[in-house]
Protein backbone atom coordinates (compact mmCIF):
# COMPACT_ATOMS: atom_id res chain seq x y z
CA MET A 1 -0.09 -0.18 0.16
CA SER A 2 1.22 3.12 -0.82
CA CYS A 3 1.51 6.28 1.09
CA GLY A 4 0.04 9.40 -0.45
CA SER A 5 1.01 12.81 0.08
CA ALA A 6 -2.77 13.44 1.97
CA HIS A 7 -2.06 10.81 4.77
CA ARG A 8 2.01 12.65 5.04
CA ARG A 9 2.33 14.57 8.42
CA ALA A 10 4.10 17.94 7.91
CA ILE A 11 6.46 18.76 10.80
CA PRO A 12 5.90 22.30 11.65
CA ARG A 13 9.07 24.26 12.47
CA PHE A 14 8.30 24.81 15.74
CA GLY A 15 6.88 21.32 16.37
CA PHE A 16 3.73 21.99 16.78
CA ASP A 17 2.11 18.74 17.91
CA GLY A 18 -1.42 18.71 19.87
CA PRO A 19 -2.89 19.92 22.99
CA VAL A 20 -0.63 19.13 25.06
CA ALA A 21 2.23 21.01 23.50
CA GLN A 22 0.40 23.64 22.31
CA LEU A 23 1.17 26.31 24.87
CA PRO A 24 4.79 27.63 24.88
CA TYR A 25 5.09 27.03 20.73
CA LEU A 26 1.79 29.59 20.65
CA SER A 27 3.60 31.94 22.87
CA ARG A 28 6.93 31.08 21.35
CA ALA A 29 5.32 31.70 17.58
CA LEU A 30 4.06 35.30 18.82
CA GLU A 31 7.50 36.18 19.75
CA ALA A 32 9.29 35.07 16.92
CA SER A 33 6.71 36.65 14.79
CA ASN A 34 6.66 40.09 16.04
CA GLY A 35 2.94 40.06 16.93
CA ASN A 36 2.60 38.59 13.14
CA LYS A 37 -0.25 36.02 13.64
CA VAL A 38 -0.12 35.34 9.91
CA GLU A 39 3.40 34.63 10.42
CA ALA A 40 2.87 33.08 13.67
CA ALA A 41 0.87 30.86 12.41
CA LYS A 42 2.62 29.98 9.67
CA LEU A 43 5.69 28.64 12.51
CA VAL A 44 3.44 26.33 14.76
CA GLY A 45 2.32 24.47 10.96
CA LEU A 46 -1.81 26.14 11.25
CA PRO A 47 -3.26 27.01 7.88
CA SER A 48 -4.35 30.44 8.57
CA TYR A 49 -4.59 33.74 11.16
CA GLN A 50 -7.87 32.94 12.27
CA THR A 51 -6.85 29.18 13.05
CA PHE A 52 -4.25 30.72 14.87
CA THR A 53 -6.33 33.66 17.03
CA ASN A 54 -8.76 30.59 17.98
CA TRP A 55 -6.21 28.99 19.41
CA LEU A 56 -4.79 32.08 21.18
CA ALA A 57 -8.03 32.06 22.54
CA ARG A 58 -9.09 29.20 23.31
CA TYR A 59 -5.35 28.77 25.51
CA GLY A 60 -6.33 33.07 26.83
CA ILE A 61 -2.59 33.96 25.24
CA LYS A 62 -2.88 37.67 23.91
CA ASN A 63 -0.15 39.25 22.09
CA ARG A 64 1.80 42.26 23.46
CA LYS A 65 -0.87 44.78 20.68
CA GLU A 66 -3.52 42.96 22.59
CA GLU A 67 -2.04 43.84 26.06
CA ASN A 68 -0.55 47.47 25.46
CA GLY A 69 -4.16 48.45 23.88
């Protein structure tokens, strides 16, 4: 049986690997991207900045822009 590309799992740059590992990677990605959610989403392997924003909201993580008003 052949393994097609649909069955391959991409390995994100920061190693984003499910719920247990999310908090540190989300924060690190925000720092590394200087608060740019589009770039941060790419770093953790999420498909869009909207998905990244949803994860931030789910775990109560704020970026520097939001904290500073």
